[in-house]
């Protein structure tokens, strides 16, 4: 409410000095304070919005873990307690039905060395050699074909029972050592080999060139008491055909699936696999729903608004988040190479981009394509390396490989080359030599590094398809956004620094305005003093004039 300053001229100037000073200070302070507060509010909203983006991306990334690997292939076992079956993603799976009877499970060779009173007892040997191989019924040991062995030299770091066990576990030959406390003053060293008859152990401990019997197992006739269980192969029948393997996890019998032998069976167990369009569609629908949420969320945050219409989003000018939005949209339309020798697109599966930027699924188109190409769905959910030959099983590890088509050229029992091919299956490089190791051909350099090929039988030349699924591509992109000290965190830190600076500016402004207020008060006080003096002089003159006029009348 405005004050009529001219109506109050009785004392001094009659002006409300306090109100005038407040008005002058506010006229200078409020515009500046409003600008700073507006910037503060913008930074706080941006920080909150960026935090929401991070939280939503983290949830989205975790959800992709659920969807990845679901190809629509449904595997079944009539007795899952005895025989399990899963899709291992190593080869394109054709629907099948088989019958399995488990006669014997694969077991590990287990030895126990007794006679220790504490886990700190000394290992009285100079060297201990552990070899893997086969023991026959007559006590004769035959090392395995790869000559798998390790020799441990006893020194000051591994000369106690516990440290010796730890040294064994570091040898990378598959043997596990444990120190077992049997009772208060009795300890044992337990050695467990990988499963299989040809992966049993021979242990030879030497001291001064002589055998240390208490730490050796090199003659079953003499040291048989140390054997807890003998190593043996799994023995089972598949559709009446007798099969043996050195493991209970069998992935080289039925193409593309791993069979888990869990217990022996009295009756045959049926196993089967078939593709189910509804299962694949449900997985794709859930994925699209989550992807739409992220696209819509980023779209709303970066919306630029419209003249006279909706307000702009809180991150309308944020080029970082706009870049993420463009990347998500781009990944839904780019080709997915390395599957089935053809380039696939999300649109092949009936996924379409709508005018508002969201994506939808044409279920009819999806089912038509899936029924005709069920294995192609791996392009969306299942990163893998597969072979076009049933005699070559492929697997990929690590992250240094590149998607594409490769030609496996087997030049000998233990020699081969790998060539990269173009879309017309023509070689585009000079090829990389493959290493034969552990019964597999492996690549340690080049675009296919991390590829390992297992020959079934003698194997044969084959084309290998290495493909990265769309879900993994999106998940890796999301993980990169969320890595430590990521761009969002850097931006939030910068905004927090701005907030500190803006708060400092507000404090400085308040201090400056208080000083200005003090100057205004000082100036108006001086003015009031002058006005008061002028009024006294005026009163004196008025009295003088009144007296003079009175004297004239007399």
Protein backbone atom coordinates (compact mmCIF):
# COMPACT_ATOMS: atom_id res chain seq x y z
CA UNK A 1 0.00 0.00 0.00
CA UNK A 2 1.46 3.39 -1.04
CA UNK A 3 2.06 5.93 1.71
CA UNK A 4 1.05 9.59 1.35
CA UNK A 5 4.33 11.04 2.54
CA UNK A 6 3.25 14.69 2.07
CA UNK A 7 0.44 14.36 4.63
CA UNK A 8 2.88 13.90 7.52
CA UNK A 9 5.03 17.04 7.81
CA UNK A 10 4.66 17.79 11.48
CA UNK A 11 8.08 16.57 12.74
CA UNK A 12 11.23 16.76 10.68
CA UNK A 13 10.45 16.04 7.05
CA UNK A 14 7.44 13.94 8.01
CA UNK A 15 8.67 11.14 5.73
CA UNK A 16 8.59 7.43 6.75
CA UNK A 17 12.35 6.96 6.43
CA UNK A 18 12.28 3.21 7.28
CA UNK A 19 9.76 2.47 4.58
CA UNK A 20 11.63 4.57 2.04
CA UNK A 21 14.91 2.82 2.81
CA UNK A 22 13.25 -0.61 2.56
CA UNK A 23 11.77 0.34 -0.82
CA UNK A 24 15.12 1.57 -2.16
CA UNK A 25 16.99 -1.53 -0.95
CA UNK A 26 14.35 -3.91 -2.31
CA UNK A 27 14.35 -2.14 -5.67
CA UNK A 28 18.04 -2.97 -5.99
CA UNK A 29 18.06 -6.38 -4.24
CA UNK A 30 14.94 -8.20 -5.44
CA UNK A 31 15.78 -8.36 -9.19
CA UNK A 32 19.26 -9.67 -8.50
CA UNK A 33 18.06 -12.13 -5.87
CA UNK A 34 15.28 -13.37 -8.18
CA UNK A 35 17.76 -14.07 -11.00
CA UNK A 36 20.06 -16.03 -8.68
CA UNK A 37 17.15 -17.93 -7.11
CA UNK A 38 15.84 -18.82 -10.56
CA UNK A 39 19.24 -20.28 -11.45
CA UNK A 40 19.30 -22.14 -8.13
CA UNK A 41 15.88 -23.63 -8.78
CA UNK A 42 16.90 -24.68 -12.30
CA UNK A 43 20.00 -26.46 -10.98
CA UNK A 44 18.03 -28.26 -8.27
CA UNK A 45 15.42 -29.44 -10.79
CA UNK A 46 18.17 -30.57 -13.18
CA UNK A 47 19.94 -32.51 -10.43
CA UNK A 48 16.69 -34.20 -9.41
CA UNK A 49 15.85 -35.05 -13.03
CA UNK A 50 19.33 -36.43 -13.75
CA UNK A 51 19.10 -38.53 -10.58
CA UNK A 52 15.78 -39.93 -11.84
CA UNK A 53 17.40 -40.80 -15.18
CA UNK A 54 20.17 -42.71 -13.43
CA UNK A 55 17.73 -44.61 -11.21
CA UNK A 56 15.50 -45.54 -14.16
CA UNK A 57 18.48 -46.63 -16.26
CA UNK A 58 19.71 -48.83 -13.42
CA UNK A 59 16.32 -50.56 -13.17
CA UNK A 60 16.17 -50.91 -16.96
CA UNK A 61 19.65 -52.49 -17.03
CA UNK A 62 18.69 -55.02 -14.35
CA UNK A 63 15.47 -55.91 -16.18
CA UNK A 64 17.48 -56.72 -19.30
CA UNK A 65 19.24 -59.45 -17.32
CA UNK A 66 15.85 -61.18 -17.06
CA UNK A 67 15.05 -60.88 -20.76
CA UNK A 68 18.46 -61.76 -22.20
CA UNK A 69 18.91 -65.38 -23.24
CA UNK A 70 15.19 -66.14 -23.56
CA UNK A 71 14.93 -67.34 -27.17
CA UNK A 72 11.48 -68.86 -27.14
CA UNK A 73 13.00 -72.34 -27.00
CA UNK A 74 11.18 -74.36 -24.35
CA UNK A 75 13.10 -77.33 -22.93
CA UNK A 76 11.39 -80.04 -20.91
CA UNK A 77 12.37 -83.08 -18.87
CA UNK A 78 9.90 -85.68 -17.63
CA UNK A 79 12.01 -86.07 -14.48
CA UNK A 80 13.94 -82.90 -13.75
CA UNK A 81 15.29 -84.36 -10.50
CA UNK A 82 17.23 -86.94 -12.50
CA UNK A 83 17.95 -85.17 -15.82
CA UNK A 84 17.92 -81.43 -16.40
CA UNK A 85 18.10 -79.71 -19.78
CA UNK A 86 18.88 -76.09 -20.73
CA UNK A 87 19.61 -74.17 -23.91
CA UNK A 88 23.34 -73.37 -23.89
CA UNK A 89 23.21 -70.96 -26.84
CA UNK A 90 26.22 -72.60 -28.55
CA UNK A 91 24.40 -73.73 -31.67
CA UNK A 92 21.05 -73.29 -33.38
CA UNK A 93 18.65 -75.77 -31.80
CA UNK A 94 16.21 -77.84 -33.79
CA UNK A 95 13.13 -79.19 -31.99
CA UNK A 96 13.68 -82.72 -30.68
CA UNK A 97 12.43 -85.52 -28.44
CA UNK A 98 14.88 -88.02 -26.86
CA UNK A 99 14.90 -90.68 -24.17
CA UNK A 100 17.71 -90.94 -21.58
CA UNK A 101 18.56 -93.59 -19.00
CA UNK A 102 21.33 -92.77 -16.51
CA UNK A 103 23.27 -95.85 -15.42
CA UNK A 104 26.19 -94.15 -13.64
CA UNK A 105 27.13 -90.59 -12.73
CA UNK A 106 30.58 -89.17 -13.31
CA UNK A 107 32.54 -88.84 -10.05
CA UNK A 108 35.74 -87.18 -8.94
CA UNK A 109 38.78 -89.03 -7.70
CA UNK A 110 39.02 -88.11 -4.00
CA UNK A 111 42.05 -88.74 -1.80
CA UNK A 112 42.63 -88.10 1.91
CA UNK A 113 46.06 -87.81 3.52
CA UNK A 114 45.80 -88.34 7.29
CA UNK A 115 48.14 -88.03 10.25
CA UNK A 116 48.26 -84.26 10.76
CA UNK A 117 47.58 -82.77 14.20
CA UNK A 118 47.11 -79.11 13.20
CA UNK A 119 46.70 -77.15 9.98
CA UNK A 120 50.17 -75.69 10.65
CA UNK A 121 51.97 -79.07 10.55
CA UNK A 122 55.06 -79.10 8.36
CA UNK A 123 55.08 -80.58 4.85
CA UNK A 124 58.15 -82.80 4.97
CA UNK A 125 58.94 -82.92 1.27
CA UNK A 126 61.02 -81.03 -1.26
CA UNK A 127 58.62 -81.37 -4.20
CA UNK A 128 55.12 -82.75 -4.76
CA UNK A 129 53.93 -83.64 -8.26
CA UNK A 130 50.22 -84.11 -9.08
CA UNK A 131 49.31 -85.75 -12.40
CA UNK A 132 45.94 -86.48 -13.97
CA UNK A 133 45.27 -89.70 -15.84
CA UNK A 134 43.83 -93.21 -15.56
CA UNK A 135 44.42 -95.92 -12.98
CA UNK A 136 43.70 -99.43 -14.23
CA UNK A 137 42.66 -102.34 -12.05
CA UNK A 138 46.26 -103.49 -11.67
CA UNK A 139 47.60 -100.28 -10.19
CA UNK A 140 49.12 -98.96 -13.44
CA UNK A 141 48.76 -95.22 -14.08
CA UNK A 142 48.53 -93.72 -17.59
CA UNK A 143 48.82 -89.90 -17.80
CA UNK A 144 46.06 -88.14 -19.75
CA UNK A 145 46.61 -87.17 -23.37
CA UNK A 146 47.34 -83.54 -22.49
CA UNK A 147 49.90 -84.46 -19.84
CA UNK A 148 48.03 -82.41 -17.24
CA UNK A 149 50.26 -82.05 -14.18
CA UNK A 150 51.73 -79.62 -11.69
CA UNK A 151 54.88 -79.77 -9.57
CA UNK A 152 54.96 -77.78 -6.34
CA UNK A 153 58.32 -76.91 -4.82
CA UNK A 154 58.06 -76.68 -1.05
CA UNK A 155 59.59 -73.50 0.36
CA UNK A 156 59.01 -71.04 3.18
CA UNK A 157 55.70 -69.88 1.70
CA UNK A 158 53.95 -73.24 1.40
CA UNK A 159 55.59 -75.58 3.95
CA UNK A 160 52.56 -75.95 6.26
CA UNK A 161 49.47 -78.06 5.66
CA UNK A 162 47.22 -75.02 5.06
CA UNK A 163 49.66 -73.10 2.85
CA UNK A 164 50.41 -76.29 0.86
CA UNK A 165 46.68 -76.75 0.19
CA UNK A 166 46.46 -73.15 -1.00
CA UNK A 167 49.44 -73.72 -3.32
CA UNK A 168 47.67 -76.72 -4.90
CA UNK A 169 44.56 -74.66 -5.55
CA UNK A 170 46.65 -72.12 -7.47
CA UNK A 171 47.98 -74.68 -9.98
CA UNK A 172 45.03 -74.41 -12.42
CA UNK A 173 44.81 -78.14 -13.18
CA UNK A 174 41.33 -78.60 -11.76
CA UNK A 175 42.39 -80.24 -8.50
CA UNK A 176 40.81 -78.83 -5.33
CA UNK A 177 42.63 -79.12 -2.00
CA UNK A 178 40.95 -78.74 1.39
CA UNK A 179 42.22 -79.02 4.96
CA UNK A 180 39.65 -80.97 6.97
CA UNK A 181 39.55 -80.93 10.78
CA UNK A 182 38.46 -84.45 11.76
CA UNK A 183 38.55 -83.96 15.51
CA UNK A 184 40.41 -81.85 18.07
CA UNK A 185 43.90 -83.17 17.26
CA UNK A 186 43.39 -84.74 13.86
CA UNK A 187 43.54 -83.03 10.46
CA UNK A 188 43.53 -84.37 6.90
CA UNK A 189 44.43 -83.05 3.45
CA UNK A 190 41.65 -83.76 0.94
CA UNK A 191 42.34 -83.70 -2.82
CA UNK A 192 39.45 -83.75 -5.31
CA UNK A 193 40.04 -84.13 -9.06
CA UNK A 194 37.77 -83.12 -11.93
CA UNK A 195 35.17 -85.77 -12.70
CA UNK A 196 35.99 -88.64 -15.04
CA UNK A 197 37.93 -91.89 -15.17
CA UNK A 198 40.83 -90.32 -17.12
CA UNK A 199 41.19 -87.42 -14.67
CA UNK A 200 42.23 -89.36 -11.58
CA UNK A 201 45.33 -88.35 -9.63
CA UNK A 202 48.80 -89.67 -9.09
CA UNK A 203 50.64 -87.83 -6.30
CA UNK A 204 54.40 -88.18 -5.92
CA UNK A 205 56.14 -86.49 -2.97
CA UNK A 206 59.95 -86.52 -2.81
CA UNK A 207 62.43 -85.56 -0.12
CA UNK A 208 66.11 -85.85 -0.91
CA UNK A 209 65.16 -87.93 -3.95
CA UNK A 210 63.26 -90.50 -1.87
CA UNK A 211 59.49 -91.00 -1.91
CA UNK A 212 57.55 -89.57 1.01
CA UNK A 213 54.88 -92.24 1.46
CA UNK A 214 52.69 -90.14 3.76
CA UNK A 215 52.11 -87.56 0.99
CA UNK A 216 52.11 -89.89 -2.04
CA UNK A 217 49.50 -91.80 -4.00
CA UNK A 218 51.45 -93.51 -6.76
CA UNK A 219 50.59 -97.18 -6.32
CA UNK A 220 46.99 -98.18 -5.61
CA UNK A 221 48.10 -101.50 -4.11
CA UNK A 222 50.15 -99.74 -1.42
CA UNK A 223 48.19 -96.53 -0.92
CA UNK A 224 44.64 -97.70 -1.57
CA UNK A 225 43.58 -96.65 1.92
CA UNK A 226 43.97 -93.01 0.86
CA UNK A 227 41.33 -93.29 -1.85
CA UNK A 228 37.87 -92.11 -0.74
CA UNK A 229 36.19 -92.41 -4.15
CA UNK A 230 37.50 -93.50 -7.54
CA UNK A 231 37.06 -91.24 -10.52
CA UNK A 232 34.63 -92.58 -13.10
CA UNK A 233 32.81 -91.49 -16.23
CA UNK A 234 29.11 -90.91 -16.60
CA UNK A 235 27.40 -93.85 -18.30
CA UNK A 236 24.01 -93.31 -19.90
CA UNK A 237 21.95 -94.23 -22.93
CA UNK A 238 20.39 -91.81 -25.38
CA UNK A 239 17.59 -93.41 -27.38
CA UNK A 240 19.17 -96.78 -26.60
CA UNK A 241 22.70 -95.77 -27.64
CA UNK A 242 25.31 -96.18 -24.88
CA UNK A 243 27.26 -93.00 -24.19
CA UNK A 244 30.07 -92.17 -21.74
CA UNK A 245 31.36 -88.73 -20.72
CA UNK A 246 33.80 -87.52 -18.08
CA UNK A 247 31.28 -85.00 -16.77
CA UNK A 248 27.66 -84.91 -15.67
CA UNK A 249 27.14 -81.67 -17.61
CA UNK A 250 26.94 -82.86 -21.22
CA UNK A 251 26.70 -80.27 -23.97
CA UNK A 252 28.01 -82.17 -26.99
CA UNK A 253 25.33 -84.81 -27.50
CA UNK A 254 22.19 -82.88 -28.43
CA UNK A 255 23.05 -79.78 -30.46
CA UNK A 256 22.56 -76.51 -28.61
CA UNK A 257 21.48 -77.87 -25.23
CA UNK A 258 23.24 -78.94 -22.04
CA UNK A 259 22.02 -82.11 -20.36
CA UNK A 260 22.59 -82.25 -16.60
CA UNK A 261 22.80 -85.79 -15.20
CA UNK A 262 21.71 -85.60 -11.55
CA UNK A 263 20.98 -89.17 -10.45
CA UNK A 264 20.72 -92.67 -11.84
CA UNK A 265 17.35 -93.68 -13.20
CA UNK A 266 15.22 -96.79 -12.95
CA UNK A 267 13.10 -95.74 -15.94
CA UNK A 268 13.91 -93.72 -19.07
CA UNK A 269 13.54 -89.93 -18.83
CA UNK A 270 12.08 -88.02 -21.75
CA UNK A 271 13.72 -84.75 -22.80
CA UNK A 272 12.38 -82.42 -25.47
CA UNK A 273 12.76 -78.96 -26.94
CA UNK A 274 10.39 -76.90 -29.04
CA UNK A 275 10.00 -73.27 -30.00
CA UNK A 276 7.04 -71.41 -28.53
CA UNK A 277 5.98 -68.14 -30.17
CA UNK A 278 3.96 -67.04 -27.12
CA UNK A 279 7.00 -67.38 -24.83
CA UNK A 280 9.15 -65.36 -27.22
CA UNK A 281 6.41 -62.74 -27.72
CA UNK A 282 5.95 -62.31 -23.97
CA UNK A 283 9.69 -61.74 -23.57
CA UNK A 284 9.77 -59.26 -26.44
CA UNK A 285 6.70 -57.44 -25.11
CA UNK A 286 8.27 -56.99 -21.67
CA UNK A 287 11.48 -55.73 -23.28
CA UNK A 288 9.59 -53.27 -25.50
CA UNK A 289 7.57 -52.03 -22.51
CA UNK A 290 10.73 -51.22 -20.56
CA UNK A 291 12.43 -49.68 -23.58
CA UNK A 292 9.35 -47.53 -24.25
CA UNK A 293 9.42 -46.34 -20.65
CA UNK A 294 13.01 -45.14 -21.05
CA UNK A 295 12.35 -43.51 -24.43
CA UNK A 296 9.20 -41.76 -23.14
CA UNK A 297 10.96 -40.67 -19.94
CA UNK A 298 13.88 -39.10 -21.81
CA UNK A 299 11.49 -37.55 -24.36
CA UNK A 300 9.46 -35.85 -21.61
CA UNK A 301 12.56 -34.57 -19.82
CA UNK A 302 14.03 -33.06 -23.01
CA UNK A 303 10.74 -31.73 -24.48
CA UNK A 304 11.30 -28.18 -25.75
CA UNK A 305 7.74 -27.07 -25.16
CA UNK A 306 5.47 -25.25 -27.62
CA UNK A 307 4.52 -21.56 -28.04
CA UNK A 308 1.50 -20.91 -25.86
CA UNK A 309 1.30 -24.62 -25.08
CA UNK A 310 2.96 -27.09 -22.77
CA UNK A 311 5.98 -26.10 -20.69
CA UNK A 312 9.42 -27.34 -21.65
CA UNK A 313 10.90 -30.33 -19.83
CA UNK A 314 13.44 -29.79 -17.04
CA UNK A 315 16.28 -31.03 -19.28
CA UNK A 316 15.15 -29.37 -22.50
CA UNK A 317 18.59 -27.87 -23.09
CA UNK A 318 20.60 -30.88 -21.90
CA UNK A 319 22.50 -32.21 -24.92
CA UNK A 320 23.84 -35.20 -22.96
CA UNK A 321 20.40 -36.64 -22.24
CA UNK A 322 19.25 -35.77 -25.75
CA UNK A 323 22.19 -37.81 -27.05
CA UNK A 324 21.14 -40.80 -24.94
CA UNK A 325 17.61 -40.53 -26.32
CA UNK A 326 18.89 -40.48 -29.91
CA UNK A 327 21.07 -43.52 -29.22
CA UNK A 328 18.18 -45.55 -27.78
CA UNK A 329 16.03 -44.72 -30.80
CA UNK A 330 18.87 -45.48 -33.23
CA UNK A 331 19.52 -48.92 -31.71
CA UNK A 332 15.95 -49.98 -32.45
CA UNK A 333 16.40 -49.37 -36.18
CA UNK A 334 20.01 -50.43 -36.85
CA UNK A 335 20.83 -53.88 -38.29
CA UNK A 336 21.75 -56.82 -36.04
CA UNK A 337 24.52 -58.77 -37.87
CA UNK A 338 26.05 -62.17 -37.18
CA UNK A 339 22.91 -64.32 -37.01
CA UNK A 340 22.02 -67.06 -39.51
CA UNK A 341 24.18 -65.51 -42.19
CA UNK A 342 21.70 -62.68 -42.68
CA UNK A 343 21.30 -59.18 -41.31
CA UNK A 344 18.23 -58.88 -39.12
CA UNK A 345 16.26 -55.86 -37.94
CA UNK A 346 13.87 -55.38 -35.06
CA UNK A 347 11.23 -54.66 -37.70
CA UNK A 348 11.54 -58.28 -38.91
CA UNK A 349 9.82 -59.24 -35.66
CA UNK A 350 6.92 -56.83 -36.14
CA UNK A 351 8.39 -54.06 -33.99
CA UNK A 352 7.48 -50.63 -35.36
CA UNK A 353 8.31 -47.04 -34.42
CA UNK A 354 5.26 -44.83 -33.89
CA UNK A 355 4.97 -41.13 -34.74
CA UNK A 356 5.54 -40.15 -31.10
CA UNK A 357 8.85 -42.06 -31.03
CA UNK A 358 7.57 -45.02 -29.01
CA UNK A 359 7.71 -48.58 -30.36
CA UNK A 360 4.97 -51.16 -30.69
CA UNK A 361 4.63 -54.80 -31.78
CA UNK A 362 2.48 -56.15 -34.58
CA UNK A 363 1.74 -59.55 -33.05
CA UNK A 364 0.54 -61.09 -36.31
CA UNK A 365 3.73 -60.13 -38.14
CA UNK A 366 5.83 -61.31 -35.19
CA UNK A 367 4.26 -64.76 -35.10
CA UNK A 368 4.50 -65.17 -38.87
CA UNK A 369 8.22 -64.38 -38.84
CA UNK A 370 8.91 -66.40 -35.69
CA UNK A 371 7.15 -69.51 -36.99
CA UNK A 372 9.21 -69.34 -40.17
CA UNK A 373 12.53 -68.39 -38.46
CA UNK A 374 12.38 -69.37 -34.75
CA UNK A 375 16.15 -69.40 -34.28
CA UNK A 376 16.38 -65.81 -35.59
CA UNK A 377 14.89 -64.55 -32.33
CA UNK A 378 18.36 -65.02 -30.79
CA UNK A 379 19.29 -61.78 -32.57
CA UNK A 380 17.17 -59.93 -30.03
CA UNK A 381 17.97 -61.81 -26.84
CA UNK A 382 20.90 -64.22 -27.16
CA UNK A 383 24.50 -63.26 -27.93
CA UNK A 384 26.27 -66.31 -29.29
CA UNK A 385 28.68 -67.97 -31.70
CA UNK A 386 27.18 -70.80 -33.73
CA UNK A 387 28.36 -73.13 -36.46
CA UNK A 388 26.49 -74.22 -39.57
CA UNK A 389 27.91 -77.74 -39.04
CA UNK A 390 26.63 -80.28 -36.53
CA UNK A 391 30.23 -81.50 -36.19
CA UNK A 392 31.61 -78.16 -34.97
CA UNK A 393 30.44 -76.59 -31.73
CA UNK A 394 31.24 -72.90 -31.20
CA UNK A 395 31.42 -70.72 -28.10
CA UNK A 396 32.54 -67.14 -27.52
CA UNK A 397 33.97 -65.44 -24.43
CA UNK A 398 35.36 -62.06 -23.50
CA UNK A 399 34.40 -58.78 -25.15
CA UNK A 400 37.13 -58.15 -27.77
CA UNK A 401 35.45 -60.01 -30.63
CA UNK A 402 33.48 -58.45 -33.47
CA UNK A 403 30.22 -59.64 -34.95
CA UNK A 404 30.26 -61.24 -38.39
CA UNK A 405 30.68 -64.40 -40.44
CA UNK A 406 33.90 -66.42 -40.21
CA UNK A 407 35.15 -69.44 -42.14
CA UNK A 408 36.74 -72.29 -40.16
CA UNK A 409 39.28 -74.11 -42.32
CA UNK A 410 40.52 -77.30 -40.62
CA UNK A 411 43.92 -78.09 -42.15
CA UNK A 412 44.94 -80.94 -39.84
CA UNK A 413 44.05 -82.77 -36.62
CA UNK A 414 45.45 -79.92 -34.53
CA UNK A 415 45.78 -77.09 -37.07
CA UNK A 416 43.27 -74.68 -38.57
CA UNK A 417 42.79 -71.13 -39.83
CA UNK A 418 39.89 -68.73 -39.41
CA UNK A 419 38.92 -66.23 -42.11
CA UNK A 420 36.50 -63.32 -41.88
CA UNK A 421 33.87 -63.27 -44.63
CA UNK A 422 31.76 -60.53 -46.19
CA UNK A 423 28.02 -60.73 -46.74
CA UNK A 424 28.66 -62.78 -49.90
CA UNK A 425 30.76 -65.34 -47.96
CA UNK A 426 33.99 -64.14 -49.63
CA UNK A 427 37.17 -63.97 -47.55
CA UNK A 428 38.19 -60.42 -46.64
CA UNK A 429 41.41 -61.11 -44.69
CA UNK A 430 44.42 -63.40 -44.74
CA UNK A 431 43.09 -65.50 -41.89
CA UNK A 432 44.30 -66.12 -38.34
CA UNK A 433 46.02 -69.29 -37.17
CA UNK A 434 44.04 -71.11 -34.51
CA UNK A 435 45.64 -72.69 -31.43
CA UNK A 436 44.69 -76.25 -30.48
CA UNK A 437 44.47 -76.34 -26.70
CA UNK A 438 42.47 -78.49 -24.31
CA UNK A 439 40.82 -80.32 -27.18
CA UNK A 440 39.56 -77.05 -28.74
CA UNK A 441 40.61 -74.78 -31.56
CA UNK A 442 40.96 -71.26 -30.16
CA UNK A 443 41.57 -67.74 -31.47
CA UNK A 444 43.69 -65.40 -29.35
CA UNK A 445 43.95 -62.43 -31.74
CA UNK A 446 42.00 -60.75 -34.50
CA UNK A 447 38.31 -59.93 -34.76
CA UNK A 448 37.20 -63.34 -33.43
CA UNK A 449 39.43 -63.46 -30.34
CA UNK A 450 37.70 -65.42 -27.62
CA UNK A 451 36.22 -67.95 -30.08
CA UNK A 452 36.64 -71.63 -29.22
CA UNK A 453 35.57 -74.53 -31.47
CA UNK A 454 35.03 -78.11 -30.32
CA UNK A 455 35.12 -80.90 -32.88
CA UNK A 456 32.41 -83.53 -32.59
CA UNK A 457 34.01 -86.61 -34.13
CA UNK A 458 36.68 -85.39 -36.52
CA UNK A 459 34.84 -82.15 -37.21
CA UNK A 460 34.85 -80.44 -40.60
CA UNK A 461 35.16 -77.06 -42.29
CA UNK A 462 32.31 -74.75 -41.33
CA UNK A 463 31.03 -71.18 -41.28
CA UNK A 464 30.86 -69.60 -37.83
CA UNK A 465 28.35 -66.84 -37.06
CA UNK A 466 29.20 -64.49 -34.18
CA UNK A 467 26.33 -62.22 -33.22
CA UNK A 468 25.68 -59.76 -30.41
CA UNK A 469 22.03 -59.57 -29.41
CA UNK A 470 20.14 -56.29 -29.45
CA UNK A 471 19.49 -56.65 -25.71
CA UNK A 472 23.20 -57.01 -24.94
CA UNK A 473 24.02 -54.01 -27.15
CA UNK A 474 21.49 -51.89 -25.27
CA UNK A 475 22.58 -53.24 -21.90
CA UNK A 476 26.26 -52.50 -22.61
CA UNK A 477 25.29 -48.97 -23.68
CA UNK A 478 23.32 -48.53 -20.45
CA UNK A 479 26.14 -49.94 -18.32
CA UNK A 480 28.54 -47.50 -19.96
CA UNK A 481 26.25 -44.59 -19.04
CA UNK A 482 26.25 -45.77 -15.41
CA UNK A 483 29.97 -46.55 -15.06
CA UNK A 484 31.82 -44.84 -12.16
CA UNK A 485 32.46 -41.13 -12.67
CA UNK A 486 30.05 -41.17 -15.62
CA UNK A 487 28.97 -38.08 -17.56
CA UNK A 488 25.75 -37.73 -15.57
CA UNK A 489 27.68 -37.78 -12.28
CA UNK A 490 30.12 -35.21 -13.64
CA UNK A 491 27.22 -32.97 -14.67
CA UNK A 492 25.50 -33.36 -11.27
CA UNK A 493 28.76 -32.45 -9.53
CA UNK A 494 29.05 -29.36 -11.71
CA UNK A 495 25.48 -28.36 -10.84
CA UNK A 496 26.16 -28.86 -7.13
CA UNK A 497 29.21 -26.62 -7.47
CA UNK A 498 26.96 -24.03 -9.16
CA UNK A 499 24.50 -24.24 -6.24
CA UNK A 500 27.30 -23.53 -3.78
CA UNK A 501 28.36 -20.56 -5.91
CA UNK A 502 24.77 -19.24 -6.18
CA UNK A 503 24.26 -19.53 -2.42
CA UNK A 504 27.49 -17.62 -1.92
CA UNK A 505 26.19 -14.93 -4.29
CA UNK A 506 22.96 -14.65 -2.29
CA UNK A 507 24.96 -14.29 0.93
CA UNK A 508 27.18 -11.65 -0.69
CA UNK A 509 24.10 -9.82 -2.01
CA UNK A 510 22.48 -9.78 1.44
CA UNK A 511 25.68 -8.43 3.02
CA UNK A 512 26.00 -5.77 0.30
CA UNK A 513 22.38 -4.73 0.70
CA UNK A 514 22.75 -4.46 4.49
CA UNK A 515 25.68 -2.12 3.92
CA UNK A 516 23.59 -0.19 1.40
CA UNK A 517 20.74 0.00 3.90
CA UNK A 518 23.10 1.42 6.49
CA UNK A 519 24.28 4.10 4.03
CA UNK A 520 20.68 5.03 3.14
CA UNK A 521 19.76 5.30 6.84
CA UNK A 522 22.80 7.47 7.46
CA UNK A 523 21.93 9.74 4.53
CA UNK A 524 18.27 10.08 5.49
CA UNK A 525 19.19 10.74 9.13
CA UNK A 526 21.41 13.62 8.01
CA UNK A 527 18.58 14.89 5.83
CA UNK A 528 16.11 14.69 8.72
CA UNK A 529 18.54 16.61 10.91
CA UNK A 530 18.84 19.34 8.26
CA UNK A 531 15.08 19.50 7.76
CA UNK A 532 14.55 19.73 11.52
CA UNK A 533 17.08 22.60 11.70
CA UNK A 534 15.35 24.37 8.81
CA UNK A 535 12.01 24.01 10.61
CA UNK A 536 13.41 25.55 13.78
CA UNK A 537 14.76 28.45 11.76
CA UNK A 538 11.37 28.79 10.09
CA UNK A 539 9.64 28.81 13.48
CA UNK A 540 12.04 31.51 14.68
CA UNK A 541 11.35 33.64 11.61
CA UNK A 542 7.63 33.09 11.96
CA UNK A 543 7.73 34.25 15.61
CA UNK A 544 9.87 37.21 14.63
CA UNK A 545 7.48 38.19 11.88
CA UNK A 546 4.49 37.78 14.17
CA UNK A 547 6.13 40.06 16.77
CA UNK A 548 7.08 42.63 14.12
CA UNK A 549 3.56 42.74 12.72
CA UNK A 550 2.15 43.12 16.26
CA UNK A 551 4.47 46.02 16.96
CA UNK A 552 3.38 47.75 13.78
CA UNK A 553 -0.24 47.54 14.79
CA UNK A 554 0.47 49.04 18.19
